[in-house]
PDB file of N, CA and C in Angstrom:
ATOM      1  N   UNK A   1       0.851  -1.183   0.000  1.00  0.00           N
ATOM      2  CA  UNK A   1       0.000   0.000   0.000  1.00  0.00           C
ATOM      3  C   UNK A   1       0.894   1.242   0.000  1.00  0.00           C
ATOM      4  N   UNK A   2       0.579   2.168  -0.839  1.00  0.00           N
ATOM      5  CA  UNK A   2       1.408   3.358  -1.005  1.00  0.00           C
ATOM      6  C   UNK A   2       1.479   4.244   0.230  1.00  0.00           C
ATOM      7  N   UNK A   3       0.384   4.349   0.983  1.00  0.00           N
ATOM      8  CA  UNK A   3       0.363   5.275   2.121  1.00  0.00           C
ATOM      9  C   UNK A   3       0.484   4.577   3.475  1.00  0.00           C
ATOM     10  N   UNK A   4       0.802   3.295   3.488  1.00  0.00           N
ATOM     11  CA  UNK A   4       0.893   2.533   4.737  1.00  0.00           C
ATOM     12  C   UNK A   4       2.258   2.752   5.370  1.00  0.00           C
ATOM     13  N   UNK A   5       2.269   3.317   6.572  1.00  0.00           N
ATOM     14  CA  UNK A   5       3.525   3.604   7.265  1.00  0.00           C
ATOM     15  C   UNK A   5       4.309   2.322   7.546  1.00  0.00           C
ATOM     16  N   UNK A   6       3.638   1.232   7.856  1.00  0.00           N
ATOM     17  CA  UNK A   6       4.364  -0.016   8.114  1.00  0.00           C
ATOM     18  C   UNK A   6       4.963  -0.582   6.827  1.00  0.00           C
ATOM     19  N   UNK A   7       4.260  -0.466   5.713  1.00  0.00           N
ATOM     20  CA  UNK A   7       4.828  -0.899   4.429  1.00  0.00           C
ATOM     21  C   UNK A   7       6.065  -0.069   4.097  1.00  0.00           C
ATOM     22  N   UNK A   8       6.025   1.226   4.426  1.00  0.00           N
ATOM     23  CA  UNK A   8       7.182   2.091   4.177  1.00  0.00           C
ATOM     24  C   UNK A   8       8.365   1.680   5.058  1.00  0.00           C
ATOM     25  N   UNK A   9       8.095   1.268   6.285  1.00  0.00           N
ATOM     26  CA  UNK A   9       9.162   0.765   7.161  1.00  0.00           C
ATOM     27  C   UNK A   9       9.720  -0.541   6.594  1.00  0.00           C
ATOM     28  N   UNK A  10       8.836  -1.434   6.191  1.00  0.00           N
ATOM     29  CA  UNK A  10       9.242  -2.730   5.628  1.00  0.00           C
ATOM     30  C   UNK A  10      10.078  -2.528   4.368  1.00  0.00           C
ATOM     31  N   UNK A  11       9.696  -1.561   3.536  1.00  0.00           N
ATOM     32  CA  UNK A  11      10.399  -1.291   2.281  1.00  0.00           C
ATOM     33  C   UNK A  11      11.595  -0.362   2.450  1.00  0.00           C
ATOM     34  N   UNK A  12      11.938  -0.044   3.706  1.00  0.00           N
ATOM     35  CA  UNK A  12      13.101   0.796   4.046  1.00  0.00           C
ATOM     36  C   UNK A  12      12.970   2.228   3.536  1.00  0.00           C
ATOM     37  N   UNK A  13      11.734   2.685   3.314  1.00  0.00           N
ATOM     38  CA  UNK A  13      11.482   4.076   2.935  1.00  0.00           C
ATOM     39  C   UNK A  13      11.463   4.978   4.166  1.00  0.00           C
ATOM     40  N   UNK A  14      11.149   4.405   5.303  1.00  0.00           N
ATOM     41  CA  UNK A  14      11.192   5.097   6.593  1.00  0.00           C
ATOM     42  C   UNK A  14      12.196   4.326   7.442  1.00  0.00           C
ATOM     43  N   UNK A  15      13.190   5.026   8.007  1.00  0.00           N
ATOM     44  CA  UNK A  15      14.197   4.302   8.795  1.00  0.00           C
ATOM     45  C   UNK A  15      13.617   3.727  10.083  1.00  0.00           C
ATOM     46  N   UNK A  16      14.069   2.543  10.396  1.00  0.00           N
ATOM     47  CA  UNK A  16      13.690   1.871  11.641  1.00  0.00           C
ATOM     48  C   UNK A  16      14.795   0.884  11.972  1.00  0.00           C
ATOM     49  N   UNK A  17      14.918   0.587  13.247  1.00  0.00           N
ATOM     50  CA  UNK A  17      15.898  -0.401  13.694  1.00  0.00           C
ATOM     51  C   UNK A  17      15.145  -1.655  14.100  1.00  0.00           C
ATOM     52  N   UNK A  18      15.068  -2.631  13.215  1.00  0.00           N
ATOM     53  CA  UNK A  18      14.340  -3.856  13.576  1.00  0.00           C
ATOM     54  C   UNK A  18      14.957  -4.565  14.771  1.00  0.00           C
ATOM     55  N   UNK A  19      14.078  -5.069  15.639  1.00  0.00           N
ATOM     56  CA  UNK A  19      14.476  -5.908  16.760  1.00  0.00           C
ATOM     57  C   UNK A  19      14.704  -7.319  16.225  1.00  0.00           C
ATOM     58  N   UNK A  20      13.913  -7.676  15.222  1.00  0.00           N
ATOM     59  CA  UNK A  20      13.981  -8.979  14.570  1.00  0.00           C
ATOM     60  C   UNK A  20      13.445  -8.798  13.164  1.00  0.00           C
ATOM     61  N   UNK A  21      14.009  -9.561  12.230  1.00  0.00           N
ATOM     62  CA  UNK A  21      13.510  -9.517  10.859  1.00  0.00           C
ATOM     63  C   UNK A  21      13.876 -10.821  10.170  1.00  0.00           C
ATOM     64  N   UNK A  22      12.930 -11.353   9.411  1.00  0.00           N
ATOM     65  CA  UNK A  22      13.207 -12.487   8.538  1.00  0.00           C
ATOM     66  C   UNK A  22      12.450 -12.263   7.236  1.00  0.00           C
ATOM     67  N   UNK A  23      12.294 -13.292   6.436  1.00  0.00           N
ATOM     68  CA  UNK A  23      11.657 -13.110   5.126  1.00  0.00           C
ATOM     69  C   UNK A  23      10.169 -12.777   5.221  1.00  0.00           C
ATOM     70  N   UNK A  24       9.524 -13.116   6.344  1.00  0.00           N
ATOM     71  CA  UNK A  24       8.081 -12.907   6.481  1.00  0.00           C
ATOM     72  C   UNK A  24       7.676 -11.824   7.469  1.00  0.00           C
ATOM     73  N   UNK A  25       8.537 -11.538   8.454  1.00  0.00           N
ATOM     74  CA  UNK A  25       8.161 -10.654   9.558  1.00  0.00           C
ATOM     75  C   UNK A  25       9.195  -9.567   9.790  1.00  0.00           C
ATOM     76  N   UNK A  26       8.725  -8.497  10.413  1.00  0.00           N
ATOM     77  CA  UNK A  26       9.614  -7.481  10.964  1.00  0.00           C
ATOM     78  C   UNK A  26       9.062  -7.098  12.329  1.00  0.00           C
ATOM     79  N   UNK A  27       9.959  -6.871  13.265  1.00  0.00           N
ATOM     80  CA  UNK A  27       9.581  -6.473  14.624  1.00  0.00           C
ATOM     81  C   UNK A  27      10.335  -5.194  14.945  1.00  0.00           C
ATOM     82  N   UNK A  28       9.600  -4.179  15.412  1.00  0.00           N
ATOM     83  CA  UNK A  28      10.212  -2.915  15.803  1.00  0.00           C
ATOM     84  C   UNK A  28       9.713  -2.532  17.192  1.00  0.00           C
ATOM     85  N   UNK A  29      10.459  -1.681  17.865  1.00  0.00           N
ATOM     86  CA  UNK A  29       9.986  -1.137  19.134  1.00  0.00           C
ATOM     87  C   UNK A  29       8.925  -0.090  18.857  1.00  0.00           C
ATOM     88  N   UNK A  30       7.891  -0.057  19.686  1.00  0.00           N
ATOM     89  CA  UNK A  30       6.836   0.944  19.557  1.00  0.00           C
ATOM     90  C   UNK A  30       7.411   2.312  19.917  1.00  0.00           C
ATOM     91  N   UNK A  31       7.057   3.338  19.140  1.00  0.00           N
ATOM     92  CA  UNK A  31       7.585   4.681  19.408  1.00  0.00           C
ATOM     93  C   UNK A  31       6.915   5.346  20.607  1.00  0.00           C
ATOM     94  N   UNK A  32       5.789   4.795  21.058  1.00  0.00           N
ATOM     95  CA  UNK A  32       5.089   5.311  22.229  1.00  0.00           C
ATOM     96  C   UNK A  32       4.787   4.145  23.168  1.00  0.00           C
ATOM     97  N   UNK A  33       5.818   3.593  23.828  1.00  0.00           N
ATOM     98  CA  UNK A  33       5.636   2.361  24.602  1.00  0.00           C
ATOM     99  C   UNK A  33       4.662   2.507  25.762  1.00  0.00           C
ATOM    100  N   UNK A  34       3.874   1.450  25.952  1.00  0.00           N
ATOM    101  CA  UNK A  34       2.904   1.381  27.044  1.00  0.00           C
ATOM    102  C   UNK A  34       3.318   0.369  28.102  1.00  0.00           C
ATOM    103  N   UNK A  35       4.526  -0.155  27.981  1.00  0.00           N
ATOM    104  CA  UNK A  35       5.063  -1.143  28.927  1.00  0.00           C
ATOM    105  C   UNK A  35       6.582  -1.064  28.847  1.00  0.00           C
ATOM    106  N   UNK A  36       7.285  -1.645  29.839  1.00  0.00           N
ATOM    107  CA  UNK A  36       8.749  -1.633  29.785  1.00  0.00           C
ATOM    108  C   UNK A  36       9.293  -2.213  28.471  1.00  0.00           C
ATOM    109  N   UNK A  37       8.638  -3.245  27.948  1.00  0.00           N
ATOM    110  CA  UNK A  37       8.949  -3.790  26.628  1.00  0.00           C
ATOM    111  C   UNK A  37       7.675  -3.653  25.798  1.00  0.00           C
ATOM    112  N   UNK A  38       7.764  -2.963  24.665  1.00  0.00           N
ATOM    113  CA  UNK A  38       6.599  -2.794  23.790  1.00  0.00           C
ATOM    114  C   UNK A  38       7.089  -2.830  22.351  1.00  0.00           C
ATOM    115  N   UNK A  39       6.874  -3.975  21.717  1.00  0.00           N
ATOM    116  CA  UNK A  39       7.298  -4.167  20.337  1.00  0.00           C
ATOM    117  C   UNK A  39       6.080  -4.394  19.445  1.00  0.00           C
ATOM    118  N   UNK A  40       6.234  -4.083  18.177  1.00  0.00           N
ATOM    119  CA  UNK A  40       5.209  -4.342  17.175  1.00  0.00           C
ATOM    120  C   UNK A  40       5.724  -5.446  16.261  1.00  0.00           C
ATOM    121  N   UNK A  41       4.945  -6.501  16.144  1.00  0.00           N
ATOM    122  CA  UNK A  41       5.294  -7.623  15.278  1.00  0.00           C
ATOM    123  C   UNK A  41       4.337  -7.592  14.096  1.00  0.00           C
ATOM    124  N   UNK A  42       4.893  -7.516  12.889  1.00  0.00           N
ATOM    125  CA  UNK A  42       4.022  -7.404  11.717  1.00  0.00           C
ATOM    126  C   UNK A  42       4.520  -8.254  10.557  1.00  0.00           C
ATOM    127  N   UNK A  43       3.595  -8.722   9.747  1.00  0.00           N
ATOM    128  CA  UNK A  43       4.008  -9.434   8.543  1.00  0.00           C
ATOM    129  C   UNK A  43       4.514  -8.435   7.504  1.00  0.00           C
ATOM    130  N   UNK A  44       5.427  -8.880   6.676  1.00  0.00           N
ATOM    131  CA  UNK A  44       5.896  -8.015   5.591  1.00  0.00           C
ATOM    132  C   UNK A  44       4.832  -7.868   4.513  1.00  0.00           C
ATOM    133  N   UNK A  45       4.022  -8.891   4.368  1.00  0.00           N
ATOM    134  CA  UNK A  45       2.919  -8.802   3.412  1.00  0.00           C
ATOM    135  C   UNK A  45       1.844  -7.892   3.996  1.00  0.00           C
ATOM    136  N   UNK A  46       1.330  -6.975   3.180  1.00  0.00           N
ATOM    137  CA  UNK A  46       0.285  -6.083   3.671  1.00  0.00           C
ATOM    138  C   UNK A  46      -1.028  -6.860   3.794  1.00  0.00           C
ATOM    139  N   UNK A  47      -1.486  -6.984   5.036  1.00  0.00           N
ATOM    140  CA  UNK A  47      -2.790  -7.556   5.365  1.00  0.00           C
ATOM    141  C   UNK A  47      -3.404  -6.536   6.311  1.00  0.00           C
ATOM    142  N   UNK A  48      -4.581  -6.055   6.024  1.00  0.00           N
ATOM    143  CA  UNK A  48      -5.163  -4.956   6.798  1.00  0.00           C
ATOM    144  C   UNK A  48      -5.311  -5.305   8.278  1.00  0.00           C
ATOM    145  N   UNK A  49      -5.861  -6.469   8.591  1.00  0.00           N
ATOM    146  CA  UNK A  49      -6.054  -6.900   9.970  1.00  0.00           C
ATOM    147  C   UNK A  49      -6.541  -8.347   9.966  1.00  0.00           C
ATOM    148  N   UNK A  50      -6.870  -8.879  11.119  1.00  0.00           N
ATOM    149  CA  UNK A  50      -7.307 -10.280  11.191  1.00  0.00           C
ATOM    150  C   UNK A  50      -8.542 -10.544  10.345  1.00  0.00           C
ATOM    151  N   UNK A  51      -9.429  -9.568  10.203  1.00  0.00           N
ATOM    152  CA  UNK A  51     -10.619  -9.757   9.375  1.00  0.00           C
ATOM    153  C   UNK A  51     -10.262  -9.981   7.913  1.00  0.00           C
ATOM    154  N   UNK A  52      -9.123  -9.467   7.479  1.00  0.00           N
ATOM    155  CA  UNK A  52      -8.693  -9.594   6.083  1.00  0.00           C
ATOM    156  C   UNK A  52      -7.805 -10.814   5.844  1.00  0.00           C
ATOM    157  N   UNK A  53      -7.488 -11.546   6.904  1.00  0.00           N
ATOM    158  CA  UNK A  53      -6.628 -12.722   6.795  1.00  0.00           C
ATOM    159  C   UNK A  53      -7.340 -13.809   5.987  1.00  0.00           C
ATOM    160  N   UNK A  54      -6.630 -14.428   5.073  1.00  0.00           N
ATOM    161  CA  UNK A  54      -7.190 -15.523   4.274  1.00  0.00           C
ATOM    162  C   UNK A  54      -6.555 -16.833   4.713  1.00  0.00           C
ATOM    163  N   UNK A  55      -7.142 -17.946   4.300  1.00  0.00           N
ATOM    164  CA  UNK A  55      -6.556 -19.266   4.584  1.00  0.00           C
ATOM    165  C   UNK A  55      -5.132 -19.322   4.053  1.00  0.00           C
ATOM    166  N   UNK A  56      -4.900 -18.741   2.896  1.00  0.00           N
ATOM    167  CA  UNK A  56      -3.572 -18.722   2.280  1.00  0.00           C
ATOM    168  C   UNK A  56      -2.545 -18.031   3.177  1.00  0.00           C
ATOM    169  N   UNK A  57      -2.986 -17.016   3.910  1.00  0.00           N
ATOM    170  CA  UNK A  57      -2.093 -16.232   4.768  1.00  0.00           C
ATOM    171  C   UNK A  57      -2.118 -16.668   6.232  1.00  0.00           C
ATOM    172  N   UNK A  58      -2.908 -17.655   6.575  1.00  0.00           N
ATOM    173  CA  UNK A  58      -3.121 -17.976   7.986  1.00  0.00           C
ATOM    174  C   UNK A  58      -1.854 -18.432   8.708  1.00  0.00           C
ATOM    175  N   UNK A  59      -0.895 -18.993   8.008  1.00  0.00           N
ATOM    176  CA  UNK A  59       0.330 -19.459   8.671  1.00  0.00           C
ATOM    177  C   UNK A  59       1.143 -18.299   9.242  1.00  0.00           C
ATOM    178  N   UNK A  60       0.897 -17.087   8.762  1.00  0.00           N
ATOM    179  CA  UNK A  60       1.656 -15.932   9.255  1.00  0.00           C
ATOM    180  C   UNK A  60       1.370 -15.691  10.739  1.00  0.00           C
ATOM    181  N   UNK A  61       0.148 -15.980  11.187  1.00  0.00           N
ATOM    182  CA  UNK A  61      -0.184 -15.775  12.600  1.00  0.00           C
ATOM    183  C   UNK A  61       0.641 -16.714  13.475  1.00  0.00           C
ATOM    184  N   UNK A  62       0.811 -17.939  13.038  1.00  0.00           N
ATOM    185  CA  UNK A  62       1.657 -18.883  13.773  1.00  0.00           C
ATOM    186  C   UNK A  62       3.093 -18.382  13.821  1.00  0.00           C
ATOM    187  N   UNK A  63       3.594 -17.863  12.722  1.00  0.00           N
ATOM    188  CA  UNK A  63       4.960 -17.323  12.688  1.00  0.00           C
ATOM    189  C   UNK A  63       5.096 -16.128  13.629  1.00  0.00           C
ATOM    190  N   UNK A  64       4.071 -15.305  13.684  1.00  0.00           N
ATOM    191  CA  UNK A  64       4.091 -14.145  14.578  1.00  0.00           C
ATOM    192  C   UNK A  64       4.160 -14.601  16.036  1.00  0.00           C
ATOM    193  N   UNK A  65       3.341 -15.585  16.393  1.00  0.00           N
ATOM    194  CA  UNK A  65       3.326 -16.059  17.778  1.00  0.00           C
ATOM    195  C   UNK A  65       4.625 -16.770  18.150  1.00  0.00           C
ATOM    196  N   UNK A  66       5.210 -17.499  17.228  1.00  0.00           N
ATOM    197  CA  UNK A  66       6.498 -18.148  17.511  1.00  0.00           C
ATOM    198  C   UNK A  66       7.611 -17.102  17.645  1.00  0.00           C
ATOM    199  N   UNK A  67       7.540 -16.041  16.853  1.00  0.00           N
ATOM    200  CA  UNK A  67       8.513 -14.945  16.993  1.00  0.00           C
ATOM    201  C   UNK A  67       8.340 -14.278  18.354  1.00  0.00           C
ATOM    202  N   UNK A  68       7.102 -14.107  18.797  1.00  0.00           N
ATOM    203  CA  UNK A  68       6.844 -13.511  20.115  1.00  0.00           C
ATOM    204  C   UNK A  68       7.464 -14.365  21.214  1.00  0.00           C
ATOM    205  N   UNK A  69       7.306 -15.667  21.110  1.00  0.00           N
ATOM    206  CA  UNK A  69       7.893 -16.562  22.112  1.00  0.00           C
ATOM    207  C   UNK A  69       9.415 -16.428  22.130  1.00  0.00           C
ATOM    208  N   UNK A  70      10.028 -16.403  20.956  1.00  0.00           N
ATOM    209  CA  UNK A  70      11.486 -16.266  20.854  1.00  0.00           C
ATOM    210  C   UNK A  70      11.946 -14.934  21.442  1.00  0.00           C
ATOM    211  N   UNK A  71      11.213 -13.860  21.129  1.00  0.00           N
ATOM    212  CA  UNK A  71      11.549 -12.532  21.649  1.00  0.00           C
ATOM    213  C   UNK A  71      11.385 -12.461  23.166  1.00  0.00           C
ATOM    214  N   UNK A  72      10.362 -13.130  23.695  1.00  0.00           N
ATOM    215  CA  UNK A  72      10.159 -13.153  25.151  1.00  0.00           C
ATOM    216  C   UNK A  72      11.364 -13.793  25.838  1.00  0.00           C
ATOM    217  N   UNK A  73      11.875 -14.844  25.254  1.00  0.00           N
ATOM    218  CA  UNK A  73      13.066 -15.490  25.814  1.00  0.00           C
ATOM    219  C   UNK A  73      14.259 -14.546  25.734  1.00  0.00           C
ATOM    220  N   UNK A  74      14.441 -13.919  24.564  1.00  0.00           N
ATOM    221  CA  UNK A  74      15.584 -13.020  24.370  1.00  0.00           C
ATOM    222  C   UNK A  74      15.533 -11.811  25.305  1.00  0.00           C
ATOM    223  N   UNK A  75      14.338 -11.282  25.536  1.00  0.00           N
ATOM    224  CA  UNK A  75      14.165 -10.093  26.371  1.00  0.00           C
ATOM    225  C   UNK A  75      13.977 -10.432  27.847  1.00  0.00           C
ATOM    226  N   UNK A  76      14.014 -11.726  28.162  1.00  0.00           N
ATOM    227  CA  UNK A  76      13.867 -12.196  29.529  1.00  0.00           C
ATOM    228  C   UNK A  76      12.532 -11.746  30.156  1.00  0.00           C
ATOM    229  N   UNK A  77      11.458 -11.914  29.371  1.00  0.00           N
ATOM    230  CA  UNK A  77      10.132 -11.536  29.876  1.00  0.00           C
ATOM    231  C   UNK A  77       9.149 -12.708  29.819  1.00  0.00           C
ATOM    232  N   UNK A  78       9.660 -13.927  29.785  1.00  0.00           N
ATOM    233  CA  UNK A  78       8.774 -15.098  29.771  1.00  0.00           C
ATOM    234  C   UNK A  78       7.812 -15.006  30.960  1.00  0.00           C
ATOM    235  N   UNK A  79       6.550 -15.323  30.723  1.00  0.00           N
ATOM    236  CA  UNK A  79       5.473 -15.298  31.719  1.00  0.00           C
ATOM    237  C   UNK A  79       5.182 -13.888  32.229  1.00  0.00           C
ATOM    238  N   UNK A  80       5.646 -12.857  31.500  1.00  0.00           N
ATOM    239  CA  UNK A  80       5.377 -11.466  31.890  1.00  0.00           C
ATOM    240  C   UNK A  80       5.101 -10.613  30.657  1.00  0.00           C
ATOM    241  N   UNK A  81       4.288 -11.125  29.724  1.00  0.00           N
ATOM    242  CA  UNK A  81       3.976 -10.345  28.524  1.00  0.00           C
ATOM    243  C   UNK A  81       2.580 -10.691  28.021  1.00  0.00           C
ATOM    244  N   UNK A  82       2.092  -9.832  27.134  1.00  0.00           N
ATOM    245  CA  UNK A  82       0.816 -10.108  26.479  1.00  0.00           C
ATOM    246  C   UNK A  82       0.930  -9.709  25.019  1.00  0.00           C
ATOM    247  N   UNK A  83       0.080 -10.325  24.203  1.00  0.00           N
ATOM    248  CA  UNK A  83       0.014 -10.057  22.771  1.00  0.00           C
ATOM    249  C   UNK A  83      -1.373  -9.494  22.486  1.00  0.00           C
ATOM    250  N   UNK A  84      -1.416  -8.349  21.785  1.00  0.00           N
ATOM    251  CA  UNK A  84      -2.684  -7.682  21.491  1.00  0.00           C
ATOM    252  C   UNK A  84      -2.708  -7.277  20.027  1.00  0.00           C
ATOM    253  N   UNK A  85      -3.838  -7.467  19.374  1.00  0.00           N
ATOM    254  CA  UNK A  85      -4.028  -6.901  18.047  1.00  0.00           C
ATOM    255  C   UNK A  85      -5.395  -6.235  18.012  1.00  0.00           C
ATOM    256  N   UNK A  86      -5.444  -5.071  17.440  1.00  0.00           N
ATOM    257  CA  UNK A  86      -6.695  -4.333  17.304  1.00  0.00           C
ATOM    258  C   UNK A  86      -7.218  -4.558  15.888  1.00  0.00           C
ATOM    259  N   UNK A  87      -8.516  -4.759  15.772  1.00  0.00           N
ATOM    260  CA  UNK A  87      -9.118  -5.032  14.467  1.00  0.00           C
ATOM    261  C   UNK A  87     -10.149  -3.956  14.171  1.00  0.00           C
ATOM    262  N   UNK A  88      -9.759  -3.000  13.347  1.00  0.00           N
ATOM    263  CA  UNK A  88     -10.641  -1.908  12.951  1.00  0.00           C
ATOM    264  C   UNK A  88     -10.485  -0.676  13.825  1.00  0.00           C
ATOM    265  N   UNK A  89     -10.884   0.441  13.272  1.00  0.00           N
ATOM    266  CA  UNK A  89     -10.738   1.724  13.967  1.00  0.00           C
ATOM    267  C   UNK A  89     -11.483   1.770  15.297  1.00  0.00           C
ATOM    268  N   UNK A  90     -12.687   1.214  15.343  1.00  0.00           N
ATOM    269  CA  UNK A  90     -13.474   1.255  16.572  1.00  0.00           C
ATOM    270  C   UNK A  90     -12.746   0.517  17.698  1.00  0.00           C
ATOM    271  N   UNK A  91     -11.989  -0.512  17.346  1.00  0.00           N
ATOM    272  CA  UNK A  91     -11.231  -1.288  18.344  1.00  0.00           C
ATOM    273  C   UNK A  91      -9.870  -0.670  18.642  1.00  0.00           C
ATOM    274  N   UNK A  92      -9.554   0.448  17.993  1.00  0.00           N
ATOM    275  CA  UNK A  92      -8.302   1.135  18.285  1.00  0.00           C
ATOM    276  C   UNK A  92      -7.193   0.936  17.270  1.00  0.00           C
ATOM    277  N   UNK A  93      -7.484   0.283  16.141  1.00  0.00           N
ATOM    278  CA  UNK A  93      -6.454   0.105  15.116  1.00  0.00           C
ATOM    279  C   UNK A  93      -6.222   1.437  14.411  1.00  0.00           C
ATOM    280  N   UNK A  94      -4.999   1.948  14.491  1.00  0.00           N
ATOM    281  CA  UNK A  94      -4.682   3.238  13.869  1.00  0.00           C
ATOM    282  C   UNK A  94      -3.882   3.091  12.580  1.00  0.00           C
ATOM    283  N   UNK A  95      -3.190   1.977  12.411  1.00  0.00           N
ATOM    284  CA  UNK A  95      -2.481   1.687  11.164  1.00  0.00           C
ATOM    285  C   UNK A  95      -3.126   0.436  10.585  1.00  0.00           C
ATOM    286  N   UNK A  96      -3.651   0.566   9.377  1.00  0.00           N
ATOM    287  CA  UNK A  96      -4.392  -0.535   8.765  1.00  0.00           C
ATOM    288  C   UNK A  96      -3.452  -1.530   8.072  1.00  0.00           C
ATOM    289  N   UNK A  97      -2.532  -2.046   8.859  1.00  0.00           N
ATOM    290  CA  UNK A  97      -1.613  -3.117   8.461  1.00  0.00           C
ATOM    291  C   UNK A  97      -1.552  -4.017   9.685  1.00  0.00           C
ATOM    292  N   UNK A  98      -1.956  -5.258   9.537  1.00  0.00           N
ATOM    293  CA  UNK A  98      -2.038  -6.159  10.685  1.00  0.00           C
ATOM    294  C   UNK A  98      -0.725  -6.139  11.461  1.00  0.00           C
ATOM    295  N   UNK A  99      -0.843  -5.938  12.748  1.00  0.00           N
ATOM    296  CA  UNK A  99       0.321  -5.971  13.627  1.00  0.00           C
ATOM    297  C   UNK A  99      -0.121  -6.372  15.025  1.00  0.00           C
ATOM    298  N   UNK A 100       0.807  -6.935  15.745  1.00  0.00           N
ATOM    299  CA  UNK A 100       0.545  -7.411  17.087  1.00  0.00           C
ATOM    300  C   UNK A 100       1.451  -6.654  18.048  1.00  0.00           C
ATOM    301  N   UNK A 101       0.868  -6.101  19.080  1.00  0.00           N
ATOM    302  CA  UNK A 101       1.628  -5.426  20.127  1.00  0.00           C
ATOM    303  C   UNK A 101       2.099  -6.505  21.100  1.00  0.00           C
ATOM    304  N   UNK A 102       3.374  -6.507  21.383  1.00  0.00           N
ATOM    305  CA  UNK A 102       3.919  -7.391  22.408  1.00  0.00           C
ATOM    306  C   UNK A 102       4.339  -6.499  23.558  1.00  0.00           C
ATOM    307  N   UNK A 103       3.611  -6.598  24.658  1.00  0.00           N
ATOM    308  CA  UNK A 103       3.855  -5.754  25.818  1.00  0.00           C
ATOM    309  C   UNK A 103       4.252  -6.627  26.996  1.00  0.00           C
ATOM    310  N   UNK A 104       5.278  -6.208  27.720  1.00  0.00           N
ATOM    311  CA  UNK A 104       5.683  -6.999  28.868  1.00  0.00           C
ATOM    312  C   UNK A 104       6.830  -6.365  29.619  1.00  0.00           C
ATOM    313  N   UNK A 105       7.409  -7.185  30.458  1.00  0.00           N
ATOM    314  CA  UNK A 105       8.555  -6.745  31.235  1.00  0.00           C
ATOM    315  C   UNK A 105       8.216  -6.160  32.587  1.00  0.00           C
ATOM    316  N   UNK A 106       6.958  -6.246  32.989  1.00  0.00           N
ATOM    317  CA  UNK A 106       6.584  -5.733  34.307  1.00  0.00           C
ATOM    318  C   UNK A 106       7.236  -6.584  35.376  1.00  0.00           C
ATOM    319  N   UNK A 107       7.496  -5.976  36.504  1.00  0.00           N
ATOM    320  CA  UNK A 107       8.149  -6.688  37.595  1.00  0.00           C
ATOM    321  C   UNK A 107       7.167  -7.183  38.649  1.00  0.00           C
ATOM    322  N   UNK A 108       5.975  -6.575  38.709  1.00  0.00           N
ATOM    323  CA  UNK A 108       4.999  -6.978  39.713  1.00  0.00           C
ATOM    324  C   UNK A 108       3.591  -6.709  39.207  1.00  0.00           C
ATOM    325  N   UNK A 109       2.604  -7.319  39.874  1.00  0.00           N
ATOM    326  CA  UNK A 109       1.203  -7.096  39.504  1.00  0.00           C
ATOM    327  C   UNK A 109       0.801  -5.641  39.712  1.00  0.00           C
ATOM    328  N   UNK A 110       1.338  -4.978  40.742  1.00  0.00           N
ATOM    329  CA  UNK A 110       0.969  -3.580  40.988  1.00  0.00           C
ATOM    330  C   UNK A 110       1.499  -2.685  39.863  1.00  0.00           C
ATOM    331  N   UNK A 111       2.654  -3.018  39.322  1.00  0.00           N
ATOM    332  CA  UNK A 111       3.192  -2.246  38.191  1.00  0.00           C
ATOM    333  C   UNK A 111       2.293  -2.405  36.969  1.00  0.00           C
ATOM    334  N   UNK A 112       1.812  -3.616  36.723  1.00  0.00           N
ATOM    335  CA  UNK A 112       0.892  -3.862  35.615  1.00  0.00           C
ATOM    336  C   UNK A 112      -0.386  -3.056  35.815  1.00  0.00           C
ATOM    337  N   UNK A 113      -0.961  -3.126  37.013  1.00  0.00           N
ATOM    338  CA  UNK A 113      -2.204  -2.416  37.311  1.00  0.00           C
ATOM    339  C   UNK A 113      -2.033  -0.915  37.115  1.00  0.00           C
ATOM    340  N   UNK A 114      -0.944  -0.358  37.596  1.00  0.00           N
ATOM    341  CA  UNK A 114      -0.688   1.077  37.449  1.00  0.00           C
ATOM    342  C   UNK A 114      -0.602   1.465  35.980  1.00  0.00           C
ATOM    343  N   UNK A 115       0.131   0.696  35.201  1.00  0.00           N
ATOM    344  CA  UNK A 115       0.288   1.033  33.786  1.00  0.00           C
ATOM    345  C   UNK A 115      -1.015   0.855  33.018  1.00  0.00           C
ATOM    346  N   UNK A 116      -1.804  -0.169  33.340  1.00  0.00           N
ATOM    347  CA  UNK A 116      -3.068  -0.352  32.659  1.00  0.00           C
ATOM    348  C   UNK A 116      -4.042   0.776  32.994  1.00  0.00           C
ATOM    349  N   UNK A 117      -4.067   1.236  34.244  1.00  0.00           N
ATOM    350  CA  UNK A 117      -4.933   2.344  34.625  1.00  0.00           C
ATOM    351  C   UNK A 117      -4.540   3.623  33.874  1.00  0.00           C
ATOM    352  N   UNK A 118      -3.258   3.825  33.644  1.00  0.00           N
ATOM    353  CA  UNK A 118      -2.794   5.012  32.922  1.00  0.00           C
ATOM    354  C   UNK A 118      -3.248   4.975  31.466  1.00  0.00           C
ATOM    355  N   UNK A 119      -3.453   3.787  30.916  1.00  0.00           N
ATOM    356  CA  UNK A 119      -3.871   3.654  29.518  1.00  0.00           C
ATOM    357  C   UNK A 119      -5.352   3.916  29.337  1.00  0.00           C
ATOM    358  N   UNK A 120      -6.144   3.778  30.398  1.00  0.00           N
ATOM    359  CA  UNK A 120      -7.602   3.950  30.272  1.00  0.00           C
ATOM    360  C   UNK A 120      -8.015   5.388  30.206  1.00  0.00           C
TER     361      UNK A 120
END
């Protein structure tokens, strides 16, 4: 997509420092983090969101989740992260390119509660 900011990042038209990248995925740090660790995991193929996912593209979700697991190990946040994807503007999707927020790294339940309250 010509005006998709994530496609521009994937195509190296907008500079970014990938946390992880392979032939199917790119992972970048969120520019406005909502947790100690906040990364965006996205497919290189432009797919608007989960509603636009086809059977042909369904394996990408598995690759995204396996990348999240690998990143959790690398960032030492196993059992302290969550994966979120917003589907559509009403649900909070601001970039119409499927992506998953990986948020984690909290040290305690009170830290999680405080940060979640700040987001509301």
